[in-house]
Amino acid sequence: MGSNSADERRRYFRVDDVVSLNFSVIPADSLTACIERLERGPESSFTLPASLAAISQELRGNMEKIEQLNPTIAAYLRGLDRKIDLLSTVILKQQNEAPHVSRAVNLSAVGMAFRTEQALELDALLELKLLLYPSLTGILTYGKVIKCVHEPGIDPDFPQRVAVEFAYMRDHDRDLLINHVVQCQYRQLQERRRSLDLDNN
């Protein structure tokens, strides 16, 4: 019970972050087909690193057992894993897609907020491609616009603040996103502590 409650709280952790983001409005009646394609279709170069990271996470327990039984084999397998990660990163960088735009976002496992040039209609369905730093993990997800506020005084170039609730995300992508958010929070806490230490010295 306690573990489930902790996992649920982690879903709602929010963090200010910078990610690479592309999004597009898609027809509301296309969500089912998009989910089917994402779940059953071939892995794209964009989502490949995330899927490989999920597999590595699943195999972590086995790798620890191999480490205990035969450290040499474990080291060899970790080397292969690094080579695969490097290859997937190169493929991701070479893909022929529209360039991603780095944006300041407020991010959680259930939704996100970001600024845009144009207003988006409430309940509009978006396809979102998030590239997380520094891991270069690509997450393809779908979300619904739940708020769009005109705030020209904050950033004249991006006057619209949009809030999106994720409508669908693969389970292993959500796990990766939760871990990313937790790591971001940890890094930010460490930076605040270092800053306080410097101020006190």
N, C-alpha and C. Protein backbone atom coordinates (compact mmCIF):
# COMPACT_ATOMS: atom_id res chain seq x y z
N MET A 1 0.83 -1.21 0.00
CA MET A 1 0.00 0.00 0.00
C MET A 1 0.86 1.25 0.00
N GLY A 2 1.90 1.24 0.91
CA GLY A 2 2.79 2.39 0.96
C GLY A 2 3.54 2.58 -0.33
N SER A 3 3.99 1.48 -0.95
CA SER A 3 4.73 1.55 -2.21
C SER A 3 3.86 2.11 -3.32
N ASN A 4 2.59 1.67 -3.39
CA ASN A 4 1.68 2.16 -4.41
C ASN A 4 1.42 3.65 -4.23
N SER A 5 1.27 4.08 -2.97
CA SER A 5 1.04 5.50 -2.71
C SER A 5 2.25 6.33 -3.13
N ALA A 6 3.44 5.82 -2.85
CA ALA A 6 4.66 6.54 -3.25
C ALA A 6 4.76 6.63 -4.76
N ASP A 7 4.44 5.53 -5.46
CA ASP A 7 4.48 5.53 -6.93
C ASP A 7 3.48 6.53 -7.48
N GLU A 8 2.29 6.60 -6.85
CA GLU A 8 1.27 7.53 -7.32
C GLU A 8 1.72 8.98 -7.13
N ARG A 9 2.35 9.26 -5.99
CA ARG A 9 2.85 10.62 -5.76
C ARG A 9 3.91 11.00 -6.78
N ARG A 10 4.75 10.06 -7.12
CA ARG A 10 5.81 10.32 -8.10
C ARG A 10 5.24 10.73 -9.45
N ARG A 11 4.05 10.22 -9.79
CA ARG A 11 3.42 10.57 -11.07
C ARG A 11 3.10 12.06 -11.13
N TYR A 12 2.86 12.67 -9.95
CA TYR A 12 2.42 14.06 -9.93
C TYR A 12 3.55 15.03 -9.57
N PHE A 13 4.76 14.53 -9.36
CA PHE A 13 5.91 15.42 -9.18
C PHE A 13 6.03 16.31 -10.41
N ARG A 14 6.26 17.60 -10.19
CA ARG A 14 6.43 18.53 -11.30
C ARG A 14 7.80 19.19 -11.20
N VAL A 15 8.36 19.50 -12.35
CA VAL A 15 9.69 20.11 -12.35
C VAL A 15 9.78 21.07 -13.53
N ASP A 16 10.46 22.20 -13.31
CA ASP A 16 10.79 23.10 -14.41
C ASP A 16 12.02 22.55 -15.11
N ASP A 17 11.93 22.43 -16.43
CA ASP A 17 12.99 21.76 -17.17
C ASP A 17 13.09 22.40 -18.55
N VAL A 18 14.12 22.04 -19.28
CA VAL A 18 14.25 22.41 -20.70
C VAL A 18 14.32 21.12 -21.49
N VAL A 19 13.41 20.96 -22.44
CA VAL A 19 13.39 19.77 -23.29
C VAL A 19 13.33 20.22 -24.74
N SER A 20 13.62 19.31 -25.63
CA SER A 20 13.42 19.56 -27.05
C SER A 20 12.03 19.07 -27.39
N LEU A 21 11.23 19.92 -28.04
CA LEU A 21 9.81 19.61 -28.21
C LEU A 21 9.32 19.95 -29.60
N ASN A 22 8.64 19.00 -30.21
CA ASN A 22 7.83 19.23 -31.40
C ASN A 22 6.41 18.80 -31.08
N PHE A 23 5.43 19.55 -31.54
CA PHE A 23 4.05 19.12 -31.35
C PHE A 23 3.22 19.53 -32.56
N SER A 24 2.14 18.81 -32.77
CA SER A 24 1.21 19.13 -33.86
C SER A 24 -0.20 18.76 -33.42
N VAL A 25 -1.16 19.52 -33.91
CA VAL A 25 -2.57 19.24 -33.63
C VAL A 25 -3.02 18.12 -34.56
N ILE A 26 -3.70 17.12 -34.00
CA ILE A 26 -4.20 16.00 -34.81
C ILE A 26 -5.70 15.88 -34.60
N PRO A 27 -6.42 15.29 -35.57
CA PRO A 27 -7.87 15.13 -35.42
C PRO A 27 -8.21 14.30 -34.18
N ALA A 28 -9.26 14.71 -33.48
CA ALA A 28 -9.64 14.02 -32.24
C ALA A 28 -9.99 12.56 -32.49
N ASP A 29 -10.55 12.26 -33.66
CA ASP A 29 -10.96 10.88 -33.92
C ASP A 29 -9.81 9.99 -34.38
N SER A 30 -8.59 10.55 -34.42
CA SER A 30 -7.44 9.76 -34.88
C SER A 30 -6.65 9.15 -33.73
N LEU A 31 -7.04 9.43 -32.47
CA LEU A 31 -6.24 8.98 -31.33
C LEU A 31 -6.12 7.46 -31.28
N THR A 32 -7.23 6.76 -31.49
CA THR A 32 -7.19 5.29 -31.42
C THR A 32 -6.22 4.72 -32.44
N ALA A 33 -6.26 5.25 -33.67
CA ALA A 33 -5.36 4.77 -34.71
C ALA A 33 -3.91 5.11 -34.38
N CYS A 34 -3.67 6.29 -33.80
CA CYS A 34 -2.31 6.69 -33.42
C CYS A 34 -1.75 5.77 -32.34
N ILE A 35 -2.59 5.44 -31.36
CA ILE A 35 -2.16 4.55 -30.28
C ILE A 35 -1.84 3.17 -30.84
N GLU A 36 -2.70 2.69 -31.73
CA GLU A 36 -2.48 1.37 -32.34
C GLU A 36 -1.16 1.34 -33.08
N ARG A 37 -0.86 2.41 -33.82
CA ARG A 37 0.38 2.47 -34.59
C ARG A 37 1.59 2.53 -33.66
N LEU A 38 1.46 3.27 -32.57
CA LEU A 38 2.57 3.39 -31.62
C LEU A 38 2.84 2.06 -30.91
N GLU A 39 1.77 1.36 -30.55
CA GLU A 39 1.90 0.11 -29.80
C GLU A 39 2.34 -1.06 -30.67
N ARG A 40 1.80 -1.11 -31.88
CA ARG A 40 2.00 -2.31 -32.70
C ARG A 40 2.92 -2.09 -33.90
N GLY A 41 3.13 -0.83 -34.27
CA GLY A 41 3.95 -0.55 -35.44
C GLY A 41 5.43 -0.73 -35.14
N PRO A 42 6.26 -0.67 -36.18
CA PRO A 42 7.71 -0.80 -35.97
C PRO A 42 8.25 0.39 -35.19
N GLU A 43 9.30 0.15 -34.43
CA GLU A 43 9.93 1.20 -33.62
C GLU A 43 10.55 2.25 -34.55
N SER A 44 10.31 3.53 -34.25
CA SER A 44 10.91 4.59 -35.05
C SER A 44 12.27 4.96 -34.45
N SER A 45 13.07 5.68 -35.24
CA SER A 45 14.38 6.11 -34.74
C SER A 45 14.22 7.06 -33.55
N PHE A 46 13.08 7.76 -33.47
CA PHE A 46 12.86 8.70 -32.37
C PHE A 46 12.58 7.98 -31.06
N THR A 47 11.74 6.93 -31.12
CA THR A 47 11.36 6.22 -29.89
C THR A 47 12.31 5.08 -29.53
N LEU A 48 13.24 4.74 -30.43
CA LEU A 48 14.14 3.61 -30.19
C LEU A 48 14.94 3.75 -28.90
N PRO A 49 15.59 4.90 -28.62
CA PRO A 49 16.37 4.99 -27.38
C PRO A 49 15.54 4.74 -26.12
N ALA A 50 14.29 5.23 -26.11
CA ALA A 50 13.44 5.02 -24.94
C ALA A 50 13.11 3.55 -24.76
N SER A 51 12.83 2.86 -25.85
CA SER A 51 12.52 1.43 -25.76
C SER A 51 13.74 0.64 -25.30
N LEU A 52 14.93 1.00 -25.80
CA LEU A 52 16.15 0.33 -25.36
C LEU A 52 16.42 0.59 -23.87
N ALA A 53 16.16 1.82 -23.44
CA ALA A 53 16.36 2.14 -22.02
C ALA A 53 15.41 1.33 -21.14
N ALA A 54 14.17 1.13 -21.63
CA ALA A 54 13.21 0.33 -20.87
C ALA A 54 13.67 -1.12 -20.76
N ILE A 55 14.22 -1.65 -21.85
CA ILE A 55 14.72 -3.03 -21.83
C ILE A 55 15.89 -3.15 -20.85
N SER A 56 16.79 -2.17 -20.87
CA SER A 56 17.93 -2.19 -19.93
C SER A 56 17.44 -2.17 -18.48
N GLN A 57 16.37 -1.40 -18.24
CA GLN A 57 15.81 -1.34 -16.89
C GLN A 57 15.26 -2.69 -16.47
N GLU A 58 14.59 -3.37 -17.41
CA GLU A 58 14.01 -4.68 -17.12
C GLU A 58 15.11 -5.71 -16.81
N LEU A 59 16.25 -5.57 -17.47
CA LEU A 59 17.32 -6.55 -17.33
C LEU A 59 18.29 -6.25 -16.18
N ARG A 60 18.05 -5.14 -15.48
CA ARG A 60 19.00 -4.73 -14.45
C ARG A 60 19.19 -5.79 -13.37
N GLY A 61 18.09 -6.41 -12.94
CA GLY A 61 18.19 -7.45 -11.92
C GLY A 61 19.03 -8.63 -12.39
N ASN A 62 18.82 -9.05 -13.65
CA ASN A 62 19.62 -10.15 -14.20
C ASN A 62 21.09 -9.77 -14.30
N MET A 63 21.34 -8.51 -14.68
CA MET A 63 22.73 -8.06 -14.81
C MET A 63 23.44 -8.09 -13.45
N GLU A 64 22.73 -7.73 -12.39
CA GLU A 64 23.33 -7.76 -11.06
C GLU A 64 23.69 -9.19 -10.65
N LYS A 65 22.84 -10.15 -11.02
CA LYS A 65 23.13 -11.55 -10.72
C LYS A 65 24.35 -12.04 -11.50
N ILE A 66 24.42 -11.64 -12.78
CA ILE A 66 25.57 -12.02 -13.60
C ILE A 66 26.85 -11.41 -13.04
N GLU A 67 26.74 -10.17 -12.55
CA GLU A 67 27.90 -9.49 -11.95
C GLU A 67 28.47 -10.30 -10.78
N GLN A 68 27.57 -10.86 -9.99
CA GLN A 68 28.01 -11.64 -8.84
C GLN A 68 28.64 -12.97 -9.26
N LEU A 69 28.08 -13.58 -10.32
CA LEU A 69 28.56 -14.89 -10.75
C LEU A 69 29.82 -14.80 -11.61
N ASN A 70 29.83 -13.79 -12.51
CA ASN A 70 30.96 -13.68 -13.44
C ASN A 70 31.15 -12.22 -13.84
N PRO A 71 31.95 -11.47 -13.11
CA PRO A 71 32.15 -10.05 -13.40
C PRO A 71 32.67 -9.78 -14.81
N THR A 72 33.45 -10.70 -15.37
CA THR A 72 34.00 -10.48 -16.71
C THR A 72 32.89 -10.47 -17.76
N ILE A 73 31.99 -11.43 -17.68
CA ILE A 73 30.86 -11.47 -18.61
C ILE A 73 29.98 -10.24 -18.42
N ALA A 74 29.76 -9.85 -17.17
CA ALA A 74 28.93 -8.67 -16.89
C ALA A 74 29.54 -7.42 -17.52
N ALA A 75 30.86 -7.27 -17.40
CA ALA A 75 31.54 -6.11 -17.99
C ALA A 75 31.40 -6.12 -19.50
N TYR A 76 31.50 -7.30 -20.11
CA TYR A 76 31.35 -7.43 -21.57
C TYR A 76 29.94 -7.03 -21.99
N LEU A 77 28.92 -7.50 -21.26
CA LEU A 77 27.54 -7.17 -21.60
C LEU A 77 27.26 -5.68 -21.43
N ARG A 78 27.85 -5.08 -20.41
CA ARG A 78 27.67 -3.63 -20.23
C ARG A 78 28.33 -2.86 -21.37
N GLY A 79 29.46 -3.36 -21.86
CA GLY A 79 30.09 -2.73 -23.02
C GLY A 79 29.20 -2.80 -24.24
N LEU A 80 28.58 -3.96 -24.47
CA LEU A 80 27.64 -4.10 -25.59
C LEU A 80 26.47 -3.14 -25.43
N ASP A 81 25.99 -3.00 -24.20
CA ASP A 81 24.87 -2.10 -23.94
C ASP A 81 25.24 -0.66 -24.28
N ARG A 82 26.46 -0.25 -23.92
CA ARG A 82 26.91 1.11 -24.24
C ARG A 82 27.03 1.31 -25.74
N LYS A 83 27.49 0.28 -26.46
CA LYS A 83 27.60 0.39 -27.91
C LYS A 83 26.22 0.55 -28.55
N ILE A 84 25.24 -0.20 -28.05
CA ILE A 84 23.88 -0.08 -28.57
C ILE A 84 23.32 1.30 -28.28
N ASP A 85 23.57 1.82 -27.06
CA ASP A 85 23.10 3.16 -26.72
C ASP A 85 23.71 4.20 -27.65
N LEU A 86 25.00 4.07 -27.92
CA LEU A 86 25.69 5.01 -28.80
C LEU A 86 25.11 4.96 -30.21
N LEU A 87 24.86 3.77 -30.71
CA LEU A 87 24.31 3.60 -32.05
C LEU A 87 22.92 4.21 -32.14
N SER A 88 22.08 3.98 -31.13
CA SER A 88 20.72 4.52 -31.17
C SER A 88 20.74 6.04 -31.11
N THR A 89 21.70 6.61 -30.37
CA THR A 89 21.82 8.06 -30.30
C THR A 89 22.22 8.65 -31.65
N VAL A 90 23.16 7.99 -32.34
CA VAL A 90 23.57 8.45 -33.67
C VAL A 90 22.39 8.39 -34.64
N ILE A 91 21.63 7.31 -34.59
CA ILE A 91 20.46 7.17 -35.46
C ILE A 91 19.47 8.29 -35.18
N LEU A 92 19.25 8.59 -33.90
CA LEU A 92 18.32 9.64 -33.53
C LEU A 92 18.77 10.99 -34.08
N LYS A 93 20.06 11.29 -33.98
CA LYS A 93 20.57 12.58 -34.44
C LYS A 93 20.52 12.71 -35.96
N GLN A 94 20.57 11.59 -36.66
CA GLN A 94 20.61 11.63 -38.12
C GLN A 94 19.23 11.52 -38.76
N GLN A 95 18.18 11.38 -37.95
CA GLN A 95 16.86 11.20 -38.53
C GLN A 95 16.45 12.46 -39.29
N ASN A 96 15.71 12.25 -40.35
CA ASN A 96 15.29 13.36 -41.21
C ASN A 96 13.91 13.83 -40.80
N GLU A 97 13.85 14.51 -39.65
CA GLU A 97 12.61 15.08 -39.18
C GLU A 97 12.81 16.56 -38.97
N ALA A 98 11.67 17.28 -38.75
CA ALA A 98 11.77 18.70 -38.47
C ALA A 98 12.61 18.91 -37.22
N PRO A 99 13.45 19.94 -37.23
CA PRO A 99 14.30 20.17 -36.06
C PRO A 99 13.47 20.43 -34.81
N HIS A 100 13.89 19.89 -33.71
CA HIS A 100 13.20 20.12 -32.45
C HIS A 100 13.62 21.47 -31.88
N VAL A 101 12.69 22.09 -31.16
CA VAL A 101 12.93 23.39 -30.55
C VAL A 101 13.05 23.20 -29.05
N SER A 102 14.15 23.69 -28.48
CA SER A 102 14.31 23.60 -27.03
C SER A 102 13.38 24.61 -26.37
N ARG A 103 12.62 24.13 -25.40
CA ARG A 103 11.65 24.98 -24.72
C ARG A 103 11.74 24.77 -23.21
N ALA A 104 11.49 25.85 -22.48
CA ALA A 104 11.30 25.73 -21.04
C ALA A 104 9.91 25.16 -20.80
N VAL A 105 9.82 24.13 -19.98
CA VAL A 105 8.54 23.48 -19.72
C VAL A 105 8.40 23.22 -18.23
N ASN A 106 7.16 23.00 -17.82
CA ASN A 106 6.87 22.47 -16.50
C ASN A 106 6.34 21.07 -16.73
N LEU A 107 7.01 20.06 -16.17
CA LEU A 107 6.82 18.69 -16.63
C LEU A 107 6.49 17.75 -15.48
N SER A 108 5.55 16.83 -15.75
CA SER A 108 5.27 15.74 -14.83
C SER A 108 4.91 14.52 -15.66
N ALA A 109 4.62 13.40 -15.00
CA ALA A 109 4.27 12.18 -15.72
C ALA A 109 2.83 12.19 -16.21
N VAL A 110 2.04 13.18 -15.78
CA VAL A 110 0.64 13.24 -16.19
C VAL A 110 0.33 14.42 -17.11
N GLY A 111 1.29 15.32 -17.29
CA GLY A 111 1.04 16.45 -18.16
C GLY A 111 2.21 17.41 -18.19
N MET A 112 2.03 18.51 -18.92
CA MET A 112 3.11 19.49 -19.03
C MET A 112 2.53 20.84 -19.42
N ALA A 113 3.30 21.88 -19.21
CA ALA A 113 2.94 23.23 -19.64
C ALA A 113 4.13 23.83 -20.36
N PHE A 114 3.84 24.62 -21.40
CA PHE A 114 4.90 25.26 -22.17
C PHE A 114 4.31 26.47 -22.88
N ARG A 115 5.20 27.30 -23.43
CA ARG A 115 4.77 28.53 -24.10
C ARG A 115 4.84 28.34 -25.61
N THR A 116 3.89 28.95 -26.33
CA THR A 116 3.84 28.84 -27.79
C THR A 116 3.58 30.22 -28.40
N GLU A 117 3.80 30.28 -29.71
CA GLU A 117 3.53 31.52 -30.43
C GLU A 117 2.04 31.71 -30.68
N GLN A 118 1.35 30.60 -31.02
CA GLN A 118 -0.06 30.66 -31.39
C GLN A 118 -0.94 30.03 -30.31
N ALA A 119 -2.14 30.56 -30.17
CA ALA A 119 -3.10 30.00 -29.23
C ALA A 119 -3.58 28.63 -29.73
N LEU A 120 -3.86 27.74 -28.80
CA LEU A 120 -4.41 26.43 -29.12
C LEU A 120 -5.79 26.30 -28.49
N GLU A 121 -6.70 25.67 -29.21
CA GLU A 121 -8.07 25.53 -28.71
C GLU A 121 -8.12 24.55 -27.54
N LEU A 122 -9.01 24.83 -26.60
CA LEU A 122 -9.24 23.89 -25.51
C LEU A 122 -9.72 22.56 -26.06
N ASP A 123 -9.26 21.48 -25.46
CA ASP A 123 -9.60 20.10 -25.85
C ASP A 123 -8.95 19.67 -27.17
N ALA A 124 -8.11 20.54 -27.75
CA ALA A 124 -7.39 20.12 -28.97
C ALA A 124 -6.48 18.96 -28.62
N LEU A 125 -6.38 18.00 -29.53
CA LEU A 125 -5.53 16.82 -29.31
C LEU A 125 -4.18 17.06 -29.98
N LEU A 126 -3.11 16.84 -29.22
CA LEU A 126 -1.76 17.08 -29.72
C LEU A 126 -0.96 15.79 -29.77
N GLU A 127 -0.13 15.67 -30.81
CA GLU A 127 0.94 14.67 -30.81
C GLU A 127 2.20 15.40 -30.37
N LEU A 128 2.85 14.90 -29.33
CA LEU A 128 4.02 15.58 -28.76
C LEU A 128 5.22 14.66 -28.83
N LYS A 129 6.33 15.21 -29.28
CA LYS A 129 7.60 14.50 -29.30
C LYS A 129 8.56 15.22 -28.36
N LEU A 130 8.86 14.56 -27.24
CA LEU A 130 9.75 15.14 -26.23
C LEU A 130 11.11 14.48 -26.33
N LEU A 131 12.14 15.30 -26.36
CA LEU A 131 13.51 14.79 -26.31
C LEU A 131 14.11 15.28 -24.99
N LEU A 132 14.37 14.33 -24.08
CA LEU A 132 14.83 14.67 -22.75
C LEU A 132 16.34 14.80 -22.72
N TYR A 133 16.83 15.81 -21.98
CA TYR A 133 18.26 16.01 -21.79
C TYR A 133 18.65 15.55 -20.39
N PRO A 134 19.84 15.06 -20.18
CA PRO A 134 20.92 14.89 -21.16
C PRO A 134 20.93 13.51 -21.81
N SER A 135 19.92 12.69 -21.50
CA SER A 135 19.93 11.29 -21.97
C SER A 135 19.58 11.15 -23.44
N LEU A 136 19.01 12.22 -24.05
CA LEU A 136 18.52 12.16 -25.43
C LEU A 136 17.51 11.02 -25.60
N THR A 137 16.64 10.87 -24.62
CA THR A 137 15.56 9.89 -24.68
C THR A 137 14.36 10.53 -25.36
N GLY A 138 13.88 9.91 -26.43
CA GLY A 138 12.74 10.43 -27.17
C GLY A 138 11.45 9.77 -26.71
N ILE A 139 10.46 10.58 -26.37
CA ILE A 139 9.15 10.07 -25.94
C ILE A 139 8.08 10.64 -26.85
N LEU A 140 7.34 9.76 -27.49
CA LEU A 140 6.20 10.15 -28.32
C LEU A 140 4.94 9.92 -27.51
N THR A 141 4.14 10.96 -27.34
CA THR A 141 2.94 10.86 -26.52
C THR A 141 1.82 11.72 -27.11
N TYR A 142 0.64 11.57 -26.56
CA TYR A 142 -0.52 12.33 -27.02
C TYR A 142 -1.15 13.02 -25.82
N GLY A 143 -1.63 14.25 -26.03
CA GLY A 143 -2.19 15.01 -24.93
C GLY A 143 -3.33 15.90 -25.38
N LYS A 144 -4.11 16.34 -24.39
CA LYS A 144 -5.25 17.22 -24.64
C LYS A 144 -4.99 18.57 -23.99
N VAL A 145 -5.25 19.64 -24.73
CA VAL A 145 -5.08 21.00 -24.21
C VAL A 145 -6.16 21.26 -23.16
N ILE A 146 -5.75 21.57 -21.94
CA ILE A 146 -6.72 21.85 -20.88
C ILE A 146 -6.72 23.32 -20.48
N LYS A 147 -5.73 24.07 -20.96
CA LYS A 147 -5.69 25.50 -20.66
C LYS A 147 -4.80 26.20 -21.68
N CYS A 148 -5.21 27.40 -22.08
CA CYS A 148 -4.38 28.24 -22.94
C CYS A 148 -4.61 29.68 -22.52
N VAL A 149 -3.56 30.31 -21.99
CA VAL A 149 -3.67 31.65 -21.42
C VAL A 149 -2.75 32.60 -22.18
N HIS A 150 -3.29 33.77 -22.54
CA HIS A 150 -2.50 34.79 -23.24
C HIS A 150 -1.74 35.61 -22.20
N GLU A 151 -0.38 35.52 -22.24
CA GLU A 151 0.48 36.22 -21.29
C GLU A 151 1.60 36.93 -22.04
N PRO A 152 1.28 37.97 -22.82
CA PRO A 152 2.31 38.61 -23.66
C PRO A 152 3.39 39.31 -22.86
N GLY A 153 3.10 39.69 -21.62
CA GLY A 153 4.09 40.42 -20.83
C GLY A 153 5.25 39.55 -20.38
N ILE A 154 5.05 38.24 -20.31
CA ILE A 154 6.10 37.35 -19.83
C ILE A 154 7.12 37.06 -20.93
N ASP A 155 6.62 36.76 -22.12
CA ASP A 155 7.50 36.48 -23.27
C ASP A 155 6.77 36.89 -24.54
N PRO A 156 7.08 38.07 -25.10
CA PRO A 156 6.36 38.54 -26.28
C PRO A 156 6.46 37.60 -27.48
N ASP A 157 7.56 36.85 -27.59
CA ASP A 157 7.73 35.94 -28.72
C ASP A 157 6.88 34.68 -28.57
N PHE A 158 6.61 34.30 -27.34
CA PHE A 158 5.78 33.11 -27.06
C PHE A 158 4.72 33.51 -26.03
N PRO A 159 3.70 34.25 -26.47
CA PRO A 159 2.76 34.85 -25.52
C PRO A 159 1.72 33.89 -24.95
N GLN A 160 1.60 32.69 -25.51
CA GLN A 160 0.57 31.75 -25.05
C GLN A 160 1.18 30.70 -24.12
N ARG A 161 0.58 30.56 -22.94
CA ARG A 161 0.99 29.47 -22.03
C ARG A 161 -0.05 28.36 -22.13
N VAL A 162 0.41 27.20 -22.55
CA VAL A 162 -0.48 26.06 -22.81
C VAL A 162 -0.23 24.97 -21.77
N ALA A 163 -1.32 24.44 -21.21
CA ALA A 163 -1.24 23.30 -20.31
C ALA A 163 -1.86 22.09 -21.00
N VAL A 164 -1.16 20.97 -20.94
CA VAL A 164 -1.58 19.75 -21.63
C VAL A 164 -1.65 18.60 -20.63
N GLU A 165 -2.72 17.85 -20.72
CA GLU A 165 -2.86 16.61 -19.94
C GLU A 165 -2.61 15.44 -20.87
N PHE A 166 -1.68 14.57 -20.50
CA PHE A 166 -1.37 13.45 -21.37
C PHE A 166 -2.58 12.52 -21.49
N ALA A 167 -2.96 12.23 -22.72
CA ALA A 167 -4.10 11.34 -22.98
C ALA A 167 -3.65 9.90 -23.15
N TYR A 168 -2.42 9.72 -23.61
CA TYR A 168 -1.89 8.36 -23.76
C TYR A 168 -0.37 8.43 -23.78
N MET A 169 0.24 7.49 -23.03
CA MET A 169 1.69 7.33 -23.04
C MET A 169 1.99 5.86 -22.72
N ARG A 170 2.95 5.30 -23.43
CA ARG A 170 3.32 3.91 -23.15
C ARG A 170 3.85 3.80 -21.73
N ASP A 171 3.56 2.66 -21.09
CA ASP A 171 3.93 2.49 -19.69
C ASP A 171 5.42 2.69 -19.46
N HIS A 172 6.26 2.11 -20.33
CA HIS A 172 7.70 2.24 -20.09
C HIS A 172 8.18 3.67 -20.35
N ASP A 173 7.49 4.40 -21.25
CA ASP A 173 7.83 5.81 -21.45
C ASP A 173 7.48 6.62 -20.21
N ARG A 174 6.33 6.30 -19.59
CA ARG A 174 5.94 7.02 -18.37
C ARG A 174 6.94 6.75 -17.24
N ASP A 175 7.38 5.50 -17.14
CA ASP A 175 8.39 5.18 -16.11
C ASP A 175 9.68 5.97 -16.34
N LEU A 176 10.10 6.07 -17.61
CA LEU A 176 11.31 6.84 -17.92
C LEU A 176 11.11 8.32 -17.60
N LEU A 177 9.90 8.83 -17.88
CA LEU A 177 9.61 10.23 -17.61
C LEU A 177 9.59 10.50 -16.11
N ILE A 178 8.99 9.59 -15.34
CA ILE A 178 8.99 9.74 -13.88
C ILE A 178 10.42 9.78 -13.35
N ASN A 179 11.26 8.86 -13.81
CA ASN A 179 12.66 8.84 -13.37
C ASN A 179 13.38 10.13 -13.75
N HIS A 180 13.08 10.64 -14.95
CA HIS A 180 13.70 11.89 -15.41
C HIS A 180 13.30 13.05 -14.50
N VAL A 181 12.02 13.13 -14.17
CA VAL A 181 11.53 14.22 -13.32
C VAL A 181 12.17 14.13 -11.93
N VAL A 182 12.23 12.93 -11.37
CA VAL A 182 12.84 12.76 -10.04
C VAL A 182 14.32 13.15 -10.07
N GLN A 183 15.03 12.76 -11.12
CA GLN A 183 16.45 13.11 -11.23
C GLN A 183 16.63 14.62 -11.37
N CYS A 184 15.74 15.26 -12.14
CA CYS A 184 15.79 16.72 -12.28
C CYS A 184 15.59 17.40 -10.93
N GLN A 185 14.60 16.92 -10.17
CA GLN A 185 14.36 17.50 -8.85
C GLN A 185 15.58 17.33 -7.95
N TYR A 186 16.19 16.16 -8.00
CA TYR A 186 17.37 15.90 -7.18
C TYR A 186 18.51 16.86 -7.55
N ARG A 187 18.75 17.02 -8.87
CA ARG A 187 19.83 17.92 -9.31
C ARG A 187 19.55 19.35 -8.88
N GLN A 188 18.29 19.78 -8.99
CA GLN A 188 17.95 21.15 -8.60
C GLN A 188 18.12 21.36 -7.10
N LEU A 189 17.76 20.35 -6.31
CA LEU A 189 17.96 20.45 -4.86
C LEU A 189 19.44 20.54 -4.52
N GLN A 190 20.26 19.74 -5.22
CA GLN A 190 21.71 19.79 -4.99
C GLN A 190 22.27 21.16 -5.34
N GLU A 191 21.78 21.74 -6.44
CA GLU A 191 22.26 23.06 -6.85
C GLU A 191 21.87 24.13 -5.83
N ARG A 192 20.64 24.02 -5.29
CA ARG A 192 20.20 24.98 -4.27
C ARG A 192 21.05 24.87 -3.01
N ARG A 193 21.35 23.64 -2.62
CA ARG A 193 22.18 23.44 -1.42
C ARG A 193 23.58 24.02 -1.62
N ARG A 194 24.15 23.79 -2.81
CA ARG A 194 25.48 24.34 -3.09
C ARG A 194 25.44 25.86 -3.07
N SER A 195 24.36 26.43 -3.62
CA SER A 195 24.22 27.88 -3.64
C SER A 195 24.10 28.44 -2.23
N LEU A 196 23.33 27.74 -1.38
CA LEU A 196 23.20 28.17 0.02
C LEU A 196 24.52 28.07 0.75
N ASP A 197 25.27 27.00 0.48
CA ASP A 197 26.58 26.83 1.12
C ASP A 197 27.52 27.96 0.74
N LEU A 198 27.49 28.36 -0.55
CA LEU A 198 28.35 29.45 -1.01
C LEU A 198 27.95 30.76 -0.36
N ASP A 199 26.63 30.98 -0.21
CA ASP A 199 26.16 32.22 0.42
C ASP A 199 26.54 32.29 1.89
N ASN A 200 26.58 31.13 2.53
CA ASN A 200 26.88 31.10 3.97
C ASN A 200 28.38 31.18 4.27
N ASN A 201 29.21 30.95 3.24
CA ASN A 201 30.66 30.98 3.45
C ASN A 201 31.23 32.38 3.23
